[in-house]
Amino acid sequence: MIQLTNNQKNEEKVLAYIDKQHNPKSIPEVVQDLRRVLATNITDDEGRWILSCVIAYSEGYYQKVIQLIAS
């Protein structure tokens, strides 16, 4: 994740965003939110890549992302 954002604080922002989500969203909505959170114009593929990195981060984040995108 750091390789894409080139800033460890952005990793923390993404994880904080995931932690705050409670309602399912579509993947395009999550990617749009990530653009806002990171204040950058990431592509859809980059947003999906970030989500896959978060899924691989830990079992806890795996569960959170699956619940988030289970719409």
N, C-alpha and C. Protein backbone atom coordinates (compact mmCIF):
# COMPACT_ATOMS: atom_id res chain seq x y z
N MET A 1 0.82 -1.18 0.00
CA MET A 1 0.00 0.00 0.00
C MET A 1 0.87 1.25 0.00
N ILE A 2 1.93 1.22 0.76
CA ILE A 2 2.81 2.38 0.84
C ILE A 2 3.41 2.70 -0.52
N GLN A 3 3.71 1.67 -1.31
CA GLN A 3 4.29 1.91 -2.63
C GLN A 3 3.37 2.76 -3.49
N LEU A 4 2.08 2.55 -3.41
CA LEU A 4 1.14 3.33 -4.21
C LEU A 4 1.01 4.73 -3.67
N THR A 5 0.83 4.87 -2.40
CA THR A 5 0.57 6.19 -1.81
C THR A 5 1.86 6.95 -1.52
N ASN A 6 2.97 6.22 -1.39
CA ASN A 6 4.28 6.81 -1.12
C ASN A 6 4.30 7.62 0.17
N ASN A 7 3.43 7.24 1.11
CA ASN A 7 3.35 7.99 2.36
C ASN A 7 2.69 7.09 3.40
N GLN A 8 3.42 6.79 4.47
CA GLN A 8 2.88 5.89 5.49
C GLN A 8 1.63 6.47 6.16
N LYS A 9 1.54 7.80 6.24
CA LYS A 9 0.35 8.41 6.83
C LYS A 9 -0.90 8.07 6.00
N ASN A 10 -0.72 7.92 4.69
CA ASN A 10 -1.85 7.55 3.85
C ASN A 10 -2.31 6.13 4.16
N GLU A 11 -1.38 5.26 4.50
CA GLU A 11 -1.76 3.91 4.92
C GLU A 11 -2.64 3.99 6.16
N GLU A 12 -2.25 4.83 7.10
CA GLU A 12 -3.04 5.01 8.31
C GLU A 12 -4.41 5.58 7.99
N LYS A 13 -4.49 6.49 7.02
CA LYS A 13 -5.77 7.07 6.63
C LYS A 13 -6.69 6.00 6.05
N VAL A 14 -6.14 5.13 5.20
CA VAL A 14 -6.94 4.08 4.59
C VAL A 14 -7.47 3.13 5.66
N LEU A 15 -6.60 2.72 6.57
CA LEU A 15 -7.03 1.80 7.63
C LEU A 15 -8.06 2.47 8.54
N ALA A 16 -7.89 3.75 8.83
CA ALA A 16 -8.86 4.47 9.65
C ALA A 16 -10.20 4.56 8.93
N TYR A 17 -10.16 4.79 7.62
CA TYR A 17 -11.40 4.81 6.83
C TYR A 17 -12.12 3.47 6.94
N ILE A 18 -11.39 2.38 6.75
CA ILE A 18 -11.99 1.04 6.83
C ILE A 18 -12.59 0.83 8.22
N ASP A 19 -11.87 1.24 9.26
CA ASP A 19 -12.35 1.07 10.63
C ASP A 19 -13.67 1.80 10.88
N LYS A 20 -13.89 2.93 10.22
CA LYS A 20 -15.07 3.76 10.47
C LYS A 20 -16.30 3.31 9.69
N GLN A 21 -16.15 2.41 8.75
CA GLN A 21 -17.28 2.02 7.90
C GLN A 21 -18.15 0.98 8.59
N HIS A 22 -19.46 1.17 8.48
CA HIS A 22 -20.40 0.25 9.12
C HIS A 22 -21.46 -0.26 8.16
N ASN A 23 -21.64 0.39 7.03
CA ASN A 23 -22.67 -0.01 6.07
C ASN A 23 -22.02 -0.49 4.78
N PRO A 24 -22.56 -1.54 4.19
CA PRO A 24 -22.00 -2.04 2.92
C PRO A 24 -22.07 -0.99 1.82
N LYS A 25 -21.06 -1.00 0.96
CA LYS A 25 -21.00 -0.09 -0.19
C LYS A 25 -20.52 -0.88 -1.39
N SER A 26 -20.79 -0.36 -2.55
CA SER A 26 -20.25 -0.98 -3.76
C SER A 26 -18.76 -0.64 -3.85
N ILE A 27 -18.03 -1.45 -4.57
CA ILE A 27 -16.59 -1.20 -4.72
C ILE A 27 -16.34 0.17 -5.35
N PRO A 28 -17.08 0.57 -6.40
CA PRO A 28 -16.85 1.93 -6.94
C PRO A 28 -17.05 3.04 -5.91
N GLU A 29 -18.02 2.87 -5.01
CA GLU A 29 -18.22 3.86 -3.95
C GLU A 29 -17.02 3.89 -3.00
N VAL A 30 -16.51 2.72 -2.66
CA VAL A 30 -15.35 2.65 -1.77
C VAL A 30 -14.13 3.29 -2.43
N VAL A 31 -13.93 3.02 -3.71
CA VAL A 31 -12.80 3.62 -4.44
C VAL A 31 -12.95 5.13 -4.46
N GLN A 32 -14.16 5.63 -4.68
CA GLN A 32 -14.39 7.08 -4.66
C GLN A 32 -14.06 7.64 -3.28
N ASP A 33 -14.46 6.95 -2.23
CA ASP A 33 -14.11 7.38 -0.87
C ASP A 33 -12.60 7.39 -0.66
N LEU A 34 -11.91 6.38 -1.19
CA LEU A 34 -10.45 6.33 -1.05
C LEU A 34 -9.79 7.51 -1.77
N ARG A 35 -10.34 7.90 -2.91
CA ARG A 35 -9.82 9.09 -3.61
C ARG A 35 -9.91 10.31 -2.70
N ARG A 36 -11.05 10.44 -2.04
CA ARG A 36 -11.26 11.58 -1.13
C ARG A 36 -10.32 11.50 0.07
N VAL A 37 -10.24 10.32 0.68
CA VAL A 37 -9.41 10.13 1.87
C VAL A 37 -7.94 10.41 1.56
N LEU A 38 -7.48 9.93 0.41
CA LEU A 38 -6.08 10.10 0.03
C LEU A 38 -5.81 11.41 -0.69
N ALA A 39 -6.87 12.12 -1.03
CA ALA A 39 -6.75 13.39 -1.75
C ALA A 39 -5.90 13.23 -3.00
N THR A 40 -6.20 12.18 -3.77
CA THR A 40 -5.48 11.92 -5.00
C THR A 40 -6.42 11.24 -5.98
N ASN A 41 -6.11 11.31 -7.24
CA ASN A 41 -6.97 10.73 -8.26
C ASN A 41 -6.48 9.34 -8.65
N ILE A 42 -6.74 8.38 -7.77
CA ILE A 42 -6.35 6.99 -8.07
C ILE A 42 -7.33 6.41 -9.09
N THR A 43 -6.85 5.45 -9.86
CA THR A 43 -7.72 4.77 -10.82
C THR A 43 -8.56 3.73 -10.07
N ASP A 44 -9.56 3.21 -10.77
CA ASP A 44 -10.36 2.14 -10.18
C ASP A 44 -9.49 0.93 -9.85
N ASP A 45 -8.57 0.60 -10.77
CA ASP A 45 -7.67 -0.54 -10.52
C ASP A 45 -6.79 -0.30 -9.30
N GLU A 46 -6.29 0.91 -9.14
CA GLU A 46 -5.46 1.22 -7.97
C GLU A 46 -6.29 1.14 -6.69
N GLY A 47 -7.54 1.60 -6.74
CA GLY A 47 -8.41 1.50 -5.57
C GLY A 47 -8.68 0.05 -5.19
N ARG A 48 -8.92 -0.78 -6.20
CA ARG A 48 -9.13 -2.21 -5.94
C ARG A 48 -7.86 -2.84 -5.40
N TRP A 49 -6.71 -2.40 -5.89
CA TRP A 49 -5.43 -2.92 -5.41
C TRP A 49 -5.24 -2.54 -3.94
N ILE A 50 -5.61 -1.32 -3.59
CA ILE A 50 -5.52 -0.89 -2.18
C ILE A 50 -6.40 -1.79 -1.33
N LEU A 51 -7.62 -2.05 -1.78
CA LEU A 51 -8.51 -2.94 -1.02
C LEU A 51 -7.91 -4.33 -0.86
N SER A 52 -7.27 -4.84 -1.90
CA SER A 52 -6.66 -6.16 -1.79
C SER A 52 -5.50 -6.14 -0.80
N CYS A 53 -4.77 -5.04 -0.75
CA CYS A 53 -3.68 -4.91 0.23
C CYS A 53 -4.24 -4.88 1.65
N VAL A 54 -5.36 -4.18 1.84
CA VAL A 54 -5.98 -4.12 3.16
C VAL A 54 -6.47 -5.50 3.57
N ILE A 55 -7.05 -6.24 2.61
CA ILE A 55 -7.51 -7.60 2.88
C ILE A 55 -6.35 -8.47 3.36
N ALA A 56 -5.19 -8.28 2.75
CA ALA A 56 -4.01 -9.08 3.11
C ALA A 56 -3.33 -8.58 4.38
N TYR A 57 -3.69 -7.41 4.86
CA TYR A 57 -3.03 -6.79 6.01
C TYR A 57 -3.19 -7.62 7.27
N SER A 58 -4.40 -8.09 7.53
CA SER A 58 -4.65 -8.93 8.71
C SER A 58 -6.00 -9.59 8.57
N GLU A 59 -6.24 -10.59 9.37
CA GLU A 59 -7.54 -11.28 9.37
C GLU A 59 -8.66 -10.31 9.74
N GLY A 60 -8.39 -9.43 10.68
CA GLY A 60 -9.40 -8.45 11.10
C GLY A 60 -9.80 -7.52 9.96
N TYR A 61 -8.81 -7.02 9.23
CA TYR A 61 -9.12 -6.13 8.10
C TYR A 61 -9.72 -6.91 6.94
N TYR A 62 -9.35 -8.17 6.79
CA TYR A 62 -9.98 -9.02 5.79
C TYR A 62 -11.49 -9.05 6.03
N GLN A 63 -11.88 -9.31 7.26
CA GLN A 63 -13.30 -9.37 7.61
C GLN A 63 -14.00 -8.02 7.40
N LYS A 64 -13.32 -6.94 7.78
CA LYS A 64 -13.91 -5.60 7.64
C LYS A 64 -14.15 -5.24 6.18
N VAL A 65 -13.20 -5.53 5.32
CA VAL A 65 -13.35 -5.20 3.90
C VAL A 65 -14.44 -6.07 3.28
N ILE A 66 -14.45 -7.35 3.60
CA ILE A 66 -15.48 -8.23 3.05
C ILE A 66 -16.88 -7.75 3.46
N GLN A 67 -17.03 -7.36 4.70
CA GLN A 67 -18.31 -6.82 5.16
C GLN A 67 -18.65 -5.49 4.47
N LEU A 68 -17.63 -4.67 4.24
CA LEU A 68 -17.85 -3.37 3.61
C LEU A 68 -18.34 -3.52 2.18
N ILE A 69 -17.74 -4.42 1.42
CA ILE A 69 -18.09 -4.53 0.00
C ILE A 69 -19.15 -5.60 -0.27
N ALA A 70 -19.71 -6.17 0.77
CA ALA A 70 -20.73 -7.22 0.61
C ALA A 70 -22.10 -6.58 0.40
N SER A 71 -22.26 -5.93 -0.74
CA SER A 71 -23.54 -5.27 -1.00
C SER A 71 -24.32 -5.96 -2.10
